[in-house]
Amino acid sequence: MNVAEFHQNIEQVWQKIEEELENQDCDVDCEIQGSVFTITFDDRSQIVINKQEPLLELWLASRLGGFHFSYKNNDWAANDGKRFWDCLTEAVAAHGETVTF
């Protein structure tokens, strides 16, 4: 994946997150600022997702910790094989909302 494809892929990821949170009536606010996508919950807790262009990675930080994902086999996955979408679903649940990606 080249840098342009990386940015395009991340934009699609962020769009899907925002659409699914809205479609499933999650009470959150989403904000994109530069290379950072933030999900803010009612209690002001946050999930932060950012793109790391130099490494071509997607990073996720939440109450459950921090995770790094690389694009492998048409999916974002951590070194241990855990999928980004599964980690995000668990992270949102840890903040009190239920959503399926």
PDB file of N, CA and C in Angstrom:
ATOM      1  N   MET A   1       0.850  -1.162   0.000  1.00  0.00           N
ATOM      2  CA  MET A   1       0.000   0.000   0.000  1.00  0.00           C
ATOM      3  C   MET A   1       0.902   1.232   0.000  1.00  0.00           C
ATOM      4  N   ASN A   2       0.624   2.158  -0.909  1.00  0.00           N
ATOM      5  CA  ASN A   2       1.388   3.395  -0.906  1.00  0.00           C
ATOM      6  C   ASN A   2       0.702   4.424  -0.004  1.00  0.00           C
ATOM      7  N   VAL A   3       1.304   5.571   0.162  1.00  0.00           N
ATOM      8  CA  VAL A   3       0.790   6.582   1.091  1.00  0.00           C
ATOM      9  C   VAL A   3      -0.590   7.092   0.675  1.00  0.00           C
ATOM     10  N   ALA A   4      -0.798   7.310  -0.608  1.00  0.00           N
ATOM     11  CA  ALA A   4      -2.110   7.783  -1.081  1.00  0.00           C
ATOM     12  C   ALA A   4      -3.194   6.752  -0.790  1.00  0.00           C
ATOM     13  N   GLU A   5      -2.905   5.485  -1.035  1.00  0.00           N
ATOM     14  CA  GLU A   5      -3.871   4.419  -0.743  1.00  0.00           C
ATOM     15  C   GLU A   5      -4.133   4.321   0.753  1.00  0.00           C
ATOM     16  N   PHE A   6      -3.101   4.504   1.546  1.00  0.00           N
ATOM     17  CA  PHE A   6      -3.230   4.491   3.003  1.00  0.00           C
ATOM     18  C   PHE A   6      -4.227   5.550   3.458  1.00  0.00           C
ATOM     19  N   HIS A   7      -4.033   6.779   2.990  1.00  0.00           N
ATOM     20  CA  HIS A   7      -4.938   7.862   3.405  1.00  0.00           C
ATOM     21  C   HIS A   7      -6.367   7.618   2.928  1.00  0.00           C
ATOM     22  N   GLN A   8      -6.514   7.111   1.719  1.00  0.00           N
ATOM     23  CA  GLN A   8      -7.848   6.814   1.198  1.00  0.00           C
ATOM     24  C   GLN A   8      -8.518   5.725   2.036  1.00  0.00           C
ATOM     25  N   ASN A   9      -7.767   4.706   2.385  1.00  0.00           N
ATOM     26  CA  ASN A   9      -8.301   3.610   3.198  1.00  0.00           C
ATOM     27  C   ASN A   9      -8.738   4.122   4.566  1.00  0.00           C
ATOM     28  N   ILE A  10      -7.902   4.947   5.199  1.00  0.00           N
ATOM     29  CA  ILE A  10      -8.239   5.477   6.520  1.00  0.00           C
ATOM     30  C   ILE A  10      -9.485   6.351   6.450  1.00  0.00           C
ATOM     31  N   GLU A  11      -9.609   7.158   5.417  1.00  0.00           N
ATOM     32  CA  GLU A  11     -10.802   7.995   5.259  1.00  0.00           C
ATOM     33  C   GLU A  11     -12.056   7.121   5.190  1.00  0.00           C
ATOM     34  N   GLN A  12     -11.970   5.983   4.510  1.00  0.00           N
ATOM     35  CA  GLN A  12     -13.099   5.059   4.432  1.00  0.00           C
ATOM     36  C   GLN A  12     -13.406   4.446   5.799  1.00  0.00           C
ATOM     37  N   VAL A  13     -12.358   4.135   6.555  1.00  0.00           N
ATOM     38  CA  VAL A  13     -12.541   3.598   7.909  1.00  0.00           C
ATOM     39  C   VAL A  13     -13.262   4.619   8.770  1.00  0.00           C
ATOM     40  N   TRP A  14     -12.791   5.859   8.747  1.00  0.00           N
ATOM     41  CA  TRP A  14     -13.401   6.902   9.574  1.00  0.00           C
ATOM     42  C   TRP A  14     -14.861   7.147   9.182  1.00  0.00           C
ATOM     43  N   GLN A  15     -15.131   7.114   7.876  1.00  0.00           N
ATOM     44  CA  GLN A  15     -16.502   7.305   7.409  1.00  0.00           C
ATOM     45  C   GLN A  15     -17.398   6.174   7.916  1.00  0.00           C
ATOM     46  N   LYS A  16     -16.907   4.941   7.832  1.00  0.00           N
ATOM     47  CA  LYS A  16     -17.690   3.796   8.304  1.00  0.00           C
ATOM     48  C   LYS A  16     -17.966   3.909   9.802  1.00  0.00           C
ATOM     49  N   ILE A  17     -16.967   4.313  10.577  1.00  0.00           N
ATOM     50  CA  ILE A  17     -17.161   4.461  12.025  1.00  0.00           C
ATOM     51  C   ILE A  17     -18.268   5.460  12.298  1.00  0.00           C
ATOM     52  N   GLU A  18     -18.151   6.617  11.689  1.00  0.00           N
ATOM     53  CA  GLU A  18     -19.140   7.673  11.935  1.00  0.00           C
ATOM     54  C   GLU A  18     -20.541   7.242  11.506  1.00  0.00           C
ATOM     55  N   GLU A  19     -20.654   6.605  10.342  1.00  0.00           N
ATOM     56  CA  GLU A  19     -21.958   6.143   9.851  1.00  0.00           C
ATOM     57  C   GLU A  19     -22.572   5.103  10.777  1.00  0.00           C
ATOM     58  N   GLU A  20     -21.775   4.125  11.210  1.00  0.00           N
ATOM     59  CA  GLU A  20     -22.302   3.061  12.062  1.00  0.00           C
ATOM     60  C   GLU A  20     -22.714   3.591  13.436  1.00  0.00           C
ATOM     61  N   LEU A  21     -21.924   4.485  13.999  1.00  0.00           N
ATOM     62  CA  LEU A  21     -22.291   5.070  15.295  1.00  0.00           C
ATOM     63  C   LEU A  21     -23.602   5.835  15.178  1.00  0.00           C
ATOM     64  N   GLU A  22     -23.769   6.572  14.084  1.00  0.00           N
ATOM     65  CA  GLU A  22     -25.001   7.332  13.874  1.00  0.00           C
ATOM     66  C   GLU A  22     -26.182   6.404  13.589  1.00  0.00           C
ATOM     67  N   ASN A  23     -25.985   5.440  12.691  1.00  0.00           N
ATOM     68  CA  ASN A  23     -27.063   4.526  12.299  1.00  0.00           C
ATOM     69  C   ASN A  23     -27.556   3.676  13.468  1.00  0.00           C
ATOM     70  N   GLN A  24     -26.673   3.400  14.434  1.00  0.00           N
ATOM     71  CA  GLN A  24     -27.047   2.561  15.562  1.00  0.00           C
ATOM     72  C   GLN A  24     -27.349   3.394  16.811  1.00  0.00           C
ATOM     73  N   ASP A  25     -27.607   4.686  16.592  1.00  0.00           N
ATOM     74  CA  ASP A  25     -28.058   5.605  17.638  1.00  0.00           C
ATOM     75  C   ASP A  25     -27.156   5.660  18.864  1.00  0.00           C
ATOM     76  N   CYS A  26     -25.858   5.606  18.660  1.00  0.00           N
ATOM     77  CA  CYS A  26     -24.929   5.765  19.774  1.00  0.00           C
ATOM     78  C   CYS A  26     -24.873   7.246  20.140  1.00  0.00           C
ATOM     79  N   ASP A  27     -24.890   7.506  21.423  1.00  0.00           N
ATOM     80  CA  ASP A  27     -24.881   8.888  21.911  1.00  0.00           C
ATOM     81  C   ASP A  27     -23.436   9.354  22.075  1.00  0.00           C
ATOM     82  N   VAL A  28     -22.808   9.688  20.941  1.00  0.00           N
ATOM     83  CA  VAL A  28     -21.407  10.103  20.922  1.00  0.00           C
ATOM     84  C   VAL A  28     -21.240  11.278  19.964  1.00  0.00           C
ATOM     85  N   ASP A  29     -20.138  11.952  20.110  1.00  0.00           N
ATOM     86  CA  ASP A  29     -19.738  12.986  19.156  1.00  0.00           C
ATOM     87  C   ASP A  29     -18.459  12.527  18.483  1.00  0.00           C
ATOM     88  N   CYS A  30     -18.379  12.720  17.180  1.00  0.00           N
ATOM     89  CA  CYS A  30     -17.188  12.364  16.424  1.00  0.00           C
ATOM     90  C   CYS A  30     -16.553  13.632  15.872  1.00  0.00           C
ATOM     91  N   GLU A  31     -15.234  13.667  15.910  1.00  0.00           N
ATOM     92  CA  GLU A  31     -14.512  14.826  15.393  1.00  0.00           C
ATOM     93  C   GLU A  31     -13.231  14.357  14.711  1.00  0.00           C
ATOM     94  N   ILE A  32     -12.965  14.937  13.570  1.00  0.00           N
ATOM     95  CA  ILE A  32     -11.712  14.679  12.863  1.00  0.00           C
ATOM     96  C   ILE A  32     -10.912  15.969  12.878  1.00  0.00           C
ATOM     97  N   GLN A  33      -9.698  15.857  13.360  1.00  0.00           N
ATOM     98  CA  GLN A  33      -8.796  17.002  13.365  1.00  0.00           C
ATOM     99  C   GLN A  33      -7.430  16.523  12.887  1.00  0.00           C
ATOM    100  N   GLY A  34      -7.082  16.905  11.673  1.00  0.00           N
ATOM    101  CA  GLY A  34      -5.821  16.441  11.096  1.00  0.00           C
ATOM    102  C   GLY A  34      -5.827  14.938  10.916  1.00  0.00           C
ATOM    103  N   SER A  35      -4.896  14.274  11.551  1.00  0.00           N
ATOM    104  CA  SER A  35      -4.779  12.818  11.415  1.00  0.00           C
ATOM    105  C   SER A  35      -5.399  12.065  12.590  1.00  0.00           C
ATOM    106  N   VAL A  36      -6.270  12.760  13.346  1.00  0.00           N
ATOM    107  CA  VAL A  36      -6.857  12.169  14.554  1.00  0.00           C
ATOM    108  C   VAL A  36      -8.383  12.174  14.461  1.00  0.00           C
ATOM    109  N   PHE A  37      -8.965  11.023  14.717  1.00  0.00           N
ATOM    110  CA  PHE A  37     -10.422  10.851  14.778  1.00  0.00           C
ATOM    111  C   PHE A  37     -10.758  10.574  16.240  1.00  0.00           C
ATOM    112  N   THR A  38     -11.624  11.406  16.826  1.00  0.00           N
ATOM    113  CA  THR A  38     -11.965  11.268  18.238  1.00  0.00           C
ATOM    114  C   THR A  38     -13.451  10.979  18.395  1.00  0.00           C
ATOM    115  N   ILE A  39     -13.754   9.978  19.204  1.00  0.00           N
ATOM    116  CA  ILE A  39     -15.134   9.668  19.593  1.00  0.00           C
ATOM    117  C   ILE A  39     -15.251  10.083  21.057  1.00  0.00           C
ATOM    118  N   THR A  40     -16.170  11.003  21.337  1.00  0.00           N
ATOM    119  CA  THR A  40     -16.358  11.487  22.706  1.00  0.00           C
ATOM    120  C   THR A  40     -17.716  11.034  23.214  1.00  0.00           C
ATOM    121  N   PHE A  41     -17.730  10.458  24.403  1.00  0.00           N
ATOM    122  CA  PHE A  41     -18.935   9.939  25.025  1.00  0.00           C
ATOM    123  C   PHE A  41     -19.523  10.961  25.991  1.00  0.00           C
ATOM    124  N   ASP A  42     -20.745  10.689  26.461  1.00  0.00           N
ATOM    125  CA  ASP A  42     -21.446  11.622  27.366  1.00  0.00           C
ATOM    126  C   ASP A  42     -20.631  11.995  28.593  1.00  0.00           C
ATOM    127  N   ASP A  43     -19.873  11.054  29.122  1.00  0.00           N
ATOM    128  CA  ASP A  43     -19.089  11.324  30.334  1.00  0.00           C
ATOM    129  C   ASP A  43     -17.743  11.985  30.008  1.00  0.00           C
ATOM    130  N   ARG A  44     -17.591  12.414  28.756  1.00  0.00           N
ATOM    131  CA  ARG A  44     -16.386  13.093  28.240  1.00  0.00           C
ATOM    132  C   ARG A  44     -15.186  12.153  28.061  1.00  0.00           C
ATOM    133  N   SER A  45     -15.387  10.859  28.289  1.00  0.00           N
ATOM    134  CA  SER A  45     -14.318   9.914  27.976  1.00  0.00           C
ATOM    135  C   SER A  45     -14.213   9.811  26.456  1.00  0.00           C
ATOM    136  N   GLN A  46     -13.069   9.335  25.981  1.00  0.00           N
ATOM    137  CA  GLN A  46     -12.832   9.335  24.539  1.00  0.00           C
ATOM    138  C   GLN A  46     -12.163   8.058  24.049  1.00  0.00           C
ATOM    139  N   ILE A  47     -12.394   7.795  22.782  1.00  0.00           N
ATOM    140  CA  ILE A  47     -11.612   6.840  22.013  1.00  0.00           C
ATOM    141  C   ILE A  47     -10.914   7.676  20.955  1.00  0.00           C
ATOM    142  N   VAL A  48      -9.619   7.483  20.821  1.00  0.00           N
ATOM    143  CA  VAL A  48      -8.841   8.240  19.850  1.00  0.00           C
ATOM    144  C   VAL A  48      -8.257   7.261  18.833  1.00  0.00           C
ATOM    145  N   ILE A  49      -8.503   7.556  17.570  1.00  0.00           N
ATOM    146  CA  ILE A  49      -7.989   6.736  16.480  1.00  0.00           C
ATOM    147  C   ILE A  49      -7.149   7.669  15.611  1.00  0.00           C
ATOM    148  N   ASN A  50      -5.920   7.293  15.389  1.00  0.00           N
ATOM    149  CA  ASN A  50      -5.111   8.155  14.534  1.00  0.00           C
ATOM    150  C   ASN A  50      -4.307   7.354  13.531  1.00  0.00           C
ATOM    151  N   LYS A  51      -4.007   8.043  12.441  1.00  0.00           N
ATOM    152  CA  LYS A  51      -3.223   7.401  11.395  1.00  0.00           C
ATOM    153  C   LYS A  51      -1.763   7.783  11.569  1.00  0.00           C
ATOM    154  N   GLN A  52      -0.930   6.775  11.463  1.00  0.00           N
ATOM    155  CA  GLN A  52       0.516   6.946  11.576  1.00  0.00           C
ATOM    156  C   GLN A  52       1.121   6.729  10.191  1.00  0.00           C
ATOM    157  N   GLU A  53       1.184   7.809   9.433  1.00  0.00           N
ATOM    158  CA  GLU A  53       1.644   7.720   8.047  1.00  0.00           C
ATOM    159  C   GLU A  53       3.037   7.121   7.905  1.00  0.00           C
ATOM    160  N   PRO A  54       4.020   7.515   8.732  1.00  0.00           N
ATOM    161  CA  PRO A  54       5.363   6.955   8.530  1.00  0.00           C
ATOM    162  C   PRO A  54       5.405   5.424   8.629  1.00  0.00           C
ATOM    163  N   LEU A  55       4.514   4.858   9.437  1.00  0.00           N
ATOM    164  CA  LEU A  55       4.483   3.405   9.630  1.00  0.00           C
ATOM    165  C   LEU A  55       3.371   2.728   8.836  1.00  0.00           C
ATOM    166  N   LEU A  56       2.514   3.549   8.200  1.00  0.00           N
ATOM    167  CA  LEU A  56       1.313   3.057   7.511  1.00  0.00           C
ATOM    168  C   LEU A  56       0.473   2.210   8.466  1.00  0.00           C
ATOM    169  N   GLU A  57       0.284   2.740   9.683  1.00  0.00           N
ATOM    170  CA  GLU A  57      -0.492   2.047  10.707  1.00  0.00           C
ATOM    171  C   GLU A  57      -1.676   2.883  11.160  1.00  0.00           C
ATOM    172  N   LEU A  58      -2.629   2.203  11.739  1.00  0.00           N
ATOM    173  CA  LEU A  58      -3.800   2.798  12.363  1.00  0.00           C
ATOM    174  C   LEU A  58      -3.698   2.507  13.852  1.00  0.00           C
ATOM    175  N   TRP A  59      -3.794   3.536  14.682  1.00  0.00           N
ATOM    176  CA  TRP A  59      -3.659   3.363  16.128  1.00  0.00           C
ATOM    177  C   TRP A  59      -4.985   3.643  16.808  1.00  0.00           C
ATOM    178  N   LEU A  60      -5.274   2.888  17.853  1.00  0.00           N
ATOM    179  CA  LEU A  60      -6.506   3.015  18.627  1.00  0.00           C
ATOM    180  C   LEU A  60      -6.149   3.111  20.104  1.00  0.00           C
ATOM    181  N   ALA A  61      -6.665   4.143  20.766  1.00  0.00           N
ATOM    182  CA  ALA A  61      -6.455   4.304  22.207  1.00  0.00           C
ATOM    183  C   ALA A  61      -7.812   4.471  22.874  1.00  0.00           C
ATOM    184  N   SER A  62      -8.023   3.684  23.955  1.00  0.00           N
ATOM    185  CA  SER A  62      -9.283   3.753  24.697  1.00  0.00           C
ATOM    186  C   SER A  62      -9.035   3.283  26.130  1.00  0.00           C
ATOM    187  N   ARG A  63     -10.114   3.114  26.862  1.00  0.00           N
ATOM    188  CA  ARG A  63     -10.015   2.596  28.231  1.00  0.00           C
ATOM    189  C   ARG A  63      -9.348   1.221  28.281  1.00  0.00           C
ATOM    190  N   LEU A  64      -9.400   0.517  27.179  1.00  0.00           N
ATOM    191  CA  LEU A  64      -8.839  -0.835  27.127  1.00  0.00           C
ATOM    192  C   LEU A  64      -7.357  -0.847  26.798  1.00  0.00           C
ATOM    193  N   GLY A  65      -6.805   0.315  26.490  1.00  0.00           N
ATOM    194  CA  GLY A  65      -5.387   0.402  26.173  1.00  0.00           C
ATOM    195  C   GLY A  65      -5.145   0.934  24.776  1.00  0.00           C
ATOM    196  N   GLY A  66      -3.900   0.797  24.338  1.00  0.00           N
ATOM    197  CA  GLY A  66      -3.512   1.270  23.022  1.00  0.00           C
ATOM    198  C   GLY A  66      -3.146   0.104  22.120  1.00  0.00           C
ATOM    199  N   PHE A  67      -3.539   0.212  20.854  1.00  0.00           N
ATOM    200  CA  PHE A  67      -3.317  -0.861  19.898  1.00  0.00           C
ATOM    201  C   PHE A  67      -2.848  -0.285  18.569  1.00  0.00           C
ATOM    202  N   HIS A  68      -1.979  -1.026  17.883  1.00  0.00           N
ATOM    203  CA  HIS A  68      -1.474  -0.633  16.575  1.00  0.00           C
ATOM    204  C   HIS A  68      -1.907  -1.666  15.554  1.00  0.00           C
ATOM    205  N   PHE A  69      -2.389  -1.186  14.404  1.00  0.00           N
ATOM    206  CA  PHE A  69      -2.886  -2.077  13.363  1.00  0.00           C
ATOM    207  C   PHE A  69      -2.202  -1.787  12.034  1.00  0.00           C
ATOM    208  N   SER A  70      -1.869  -2.836  11.325  1.00  0.00           N
ATOM    209  CA  SER A  70      -1.318  -2.745   9.975  1.00  0.00           C
ATOM    210  C   SER A  70      -2.323  -3.350   9.010  1.00  0.00           C
ATOM    211  N   TYR A  71      -2.276  -2.918   7.774  1.00  0.00           N
ATOM    212  CA  TYR A  71      -3.194  -3.439   6.762  1.00  0.00           C
ATOM    213  C   TYR A  71      -2.623  -4.729   6.183  1.00  0.00           C
ATOM    214  N   LYS A  72      -3.311  -5.839   6.465  1.00  0.00           N
ATOM    215  CA  LYS A  72      -2.869  -7.159   6.014  1.00  0.00           C
ATOM    216  C   LYS A  72      -4.070  -7.931   5.493  1.00  0.00           C
ATOM    217  N   ASN A  73      -3.919  -8.551   4.353  1.00  0.00           N
ATOM    218  CA  ASN A  73      -4.993  -9.394   3.799  1.00  0.00           C
ATOM    219  C   ASN A  73      -6.327  -8.668   3.749  1.00  0.00           C
ATOM    220  N   ASN A  74      -6.312  -7.432   3.277  1.00  0.00           N
ATOM    221  CA  ASN A  74      -7.513  -6.609   3.114  1.00  0.00           C
ATOM    222  C   ASN A  74      -8.238  -6.299   4.413  1.00  0.00           C
ATOM    223  N   ASP A  75      -7.492  -6.218   5.514  1.00  0.00           N
ATOM    224  CA  ASP A  75      -8.091  -5.897   6.806  1.00  0.00           C
ATOM    225  C   ASP A  75      -7.031  -5.255   7.706  1.00  0.00           C
ATOM    226  N   TRP A  76      -7.489  -4.443   8.635  1.00  0.00           N
ATOM    227  CA  TRP A  76      -6.595  -3.854   9.634  1.00  0.00           C
ATOM    228  C   TRP A  76      -6.483  -4.829  10.794  1.00  0.00           C
ATOM    229  N   ALA A  77      -5.247  -5.256  11.093  1.00  0.00           N
ATOM    230  CA  ALA A  77      -5.042  -6.249  12.147  1.00  0.00           C
ATOM    231  C   ALA A  77      -3.792  -5.915  12.952  1.00  0.00           C
ATOM    232  N   ALA A  78      -3.830  -6.281  14.233  1.00  0.00           N
ATOM    233  CA  ALA A  78      -2.675  -6.118  15.118  1.00  0.00           C
ATOM    234  C   ALA A  78      -1.728  -7.288  14.896  1.00  0.00           C
ATOM    235  N   ASN A  79      -0.538  -7.197  15.448  1.00  0.00           N
ATOM    236  CA  ASN A  79       0.444  -8.272  15.302  1.00  0.00           C
ATOM    237  C   ASN A  79      -0.059  -9.601  15.857  1.00  0.00           C
ATOM    238  N   ASP A  80      -0.951  -9.532  16.863  1.00  0.00           N
ATOM    239  CA  ASP A  80      -1.493 -10.755  17.439  1.00  0.00           C
ATOM    240  C   ASP A  80      -2.688 -11.298  16.644  1.00  0.00           C
ATOM    241  N   GLY A  81      -3.023 -10.626  15.526  1.00  0.00           N
ATOM    242  CA  GLY A  81      -4.116 -11.079  14.675  1.00  0.00           C
ATOM    243  C   GLY A  81      -5.467 -10.483  14.997  1.00  0.00           C
ATOM    244  N   LYS A  82      -5.556  -9.740  16.084  1.00  0.00           N
ATOM    245  CA  LYS A  82      -6.832  -9.147  16.463  1.00  0.00           C
ATOM    246  C   LYS A  82      -7.216  -8.061  15.452  1.00  0.00           C
ATOM    247  N   ARG A  83      -8.463  -8.084  15.008  1.00  0.00           N
ATOM    248  CA  ARG A  83      -8.950  -7.144  14.001  1.00  0.00           C
ATOM    249  C   ARG A  83      -9.294  -5.787  14.624  1.00  0.00           C
ATOM    250  N   PHE A  84      -9.031  -4.729  13.868  1.00  0.00           N
ATOM    251  CA  PHE A  84      -9.358  -3.375  14.306  1.00  0.00           C
ATOM    252  C   PHE A  84     -10.831  -3.255  14.666  1.00  0.00           C
ATOM    253  N   TRP A  85     -11.705  -3.773  13.793  1.00  0.00           N
ATOM    254  CA  TRP A  85     -13.145  -3.610  14.015  1.00  0.00           C
ATOM    255  C   TRP A  85     -13.602  -4.301  15.296  1.00  0.00           C
ATOM    256  N   ASP A  86     -13.020  -5.428  15.630  1.00  0.00           N
ATOM    257  CA  ASP A  86     -13.363  -6.120  16.874  1.00  0.00           C
ATOM    258  C   ASP A  86     -12.885  -5.314  18.083  1.00  0.00           C
ATOM    259  N   CYS A  87     -11.678  -4.788  17.998  1.00  0.00           N
ATOM    260  CA  CYS A  87     -11.141  -3.966  19.098  1.00  0.00           C
ATOM    261  C   CYS A  87     -11.976  -2.703  19.287  1.00  0.00           C
ATOM    262  N   LEU A  88     -12.389  -2.089  18.189  1.00  0.00           N
ATOM    263  CA  LEU A  88     -13.205  -0.879  18.289  1.00  0.00           C
ATOM    264  C   LEU A  88     -14.560  -1.190  18.907  1.00  0.00           C
ATOM    265  N   THR A  89     -15.162  -2.302  18.517  1.00  0.00           N
ATOM    266  CA  THR A  89     -16.448  -2.708  19.100  1.00  0.00           C
ATOM    267  C   THR A  89     -16.315  -2.890  20.615  1.00  0.00           C
ATOM    268  N   GLU A  90     -15.248  -3.552  21.052  1.00  0.00           N
ATOM    269  CA  GLU A  90     -14.999  -3.751  22.483  1.00  0.00           C
ATOM    270  C   GLU A  90     -14.724  -2.432  23.191  1.00  0.00           C
ATOM    271  N   ALA A  91     -13.989  -1.542  22.534  1.00  0.00           N
ATOM    272  CA  ALA A  91     -13.666  -0.251  23.136  1.00  0.00           C
ATOM    273  C   ALA A  91     -14.918   0.597  23.324  1.00  0.00           C
ATOM    274  N   VAL A  92     -15.785   0.617  22.333  1.00  0.00           N
ATOM    275  CA  VAL A  92     -17.033   1.374  22.448  1.00  0.00           C
ATOM    276  C   VAL A  92     -17.883   0.793  23.572  1.00  0.00           C
ATOM    277  N   ALA A  93     -17.942  -0.528  23.683  1.00  0.00           N
ATOM    278  CA  ALA A  93     -18.701  -1.178  24.755  1.00  0.00           C
ATOM    279  C   ALA A  93     -18.139  -0.810  26.124  1.00  0.00           C
ATOM    280  N   ALA A  94     -16.815  -0.690  26.241  1.00  0.00           N
ATOM    281  CA  ALA A  94     -16.192  -0.316  27.515  1.00  0.00           C
ATOM    282  C   ALA A  94     -16.558   1.091  27.917  1.00  0.00           C
ATOM    283  N   HIS A  95     -17.009   1.896  26.959  1.00  0.00           N
ATOM    284  CA  HIS A  95     -17.437   3.265  27.230  1.00  0.00           C
ATOM    285  C   HIS A  95     -18.956   3.354  27.365  1.00  0.00           C
ATOM    286  N   GLY A  96     -19.632   2.202  27.382  1.00  0.00           N
ATOM    287  CA  GLY A  96     -21.060   2.166  27.680  1.00  0.00           C
ATOM    288  C   GLY A  96     -22.003   2.189  26.505  1.00  0.00           C
ATOM    289  N   GLU A  97     -21.516   2.068  25.297  1.00  0.00           N
ATOM    290  CA  GLU A  97     -22.377   2.046  24.110  1.00  0.00           C
ATOM    291  C   GLU A  97     -22.240   0.700  23.410  1.00  0.00           C
ATOM    292  N   THR A  98     -23.280   0.263  22.734  1.00  0.00           N
ATOM    293  CA  THR A  98     -23.251  -0.971  21.986  1.00  0.00           C
ATOM    294  C   THR A  98     -23.354  -0.659  20.506  1.00  0.00           C
ATOM    295  N   VAL A  99     -22.411  -1.174  19.742  1.00  0.00           N
ATOM    296  CA  VAL A  99     -22.414  -0.967  18.296  1.00  0.00           C
ATOM    297  C   VAL A  99     -21.740  -2.162  17.640  1.00  0.00           C
ATOM    298  N   THR A 100     -22.144  -2.449  16.415  1.00  0.00           N
ATOM    299  CA  THR A 100     -21.523  -3.507  15.641  1.00  0.00           C
ATOM    300  C   THR A 100     -20.974  -2.894  14.367  1.00  0.00           C
ATOM    301  N   PHE A 101     -19.716  -3.163  14.101  1.00  0.00           N
ATOM    302  CA  PHE A 101     -19.088  -2.641  12.878  1.00  0.00           C
ATOM    303  C   PHE A 101     -18.944  -3.740  11.856  1.00  0.00           C
TER     304      PHE A 101
END
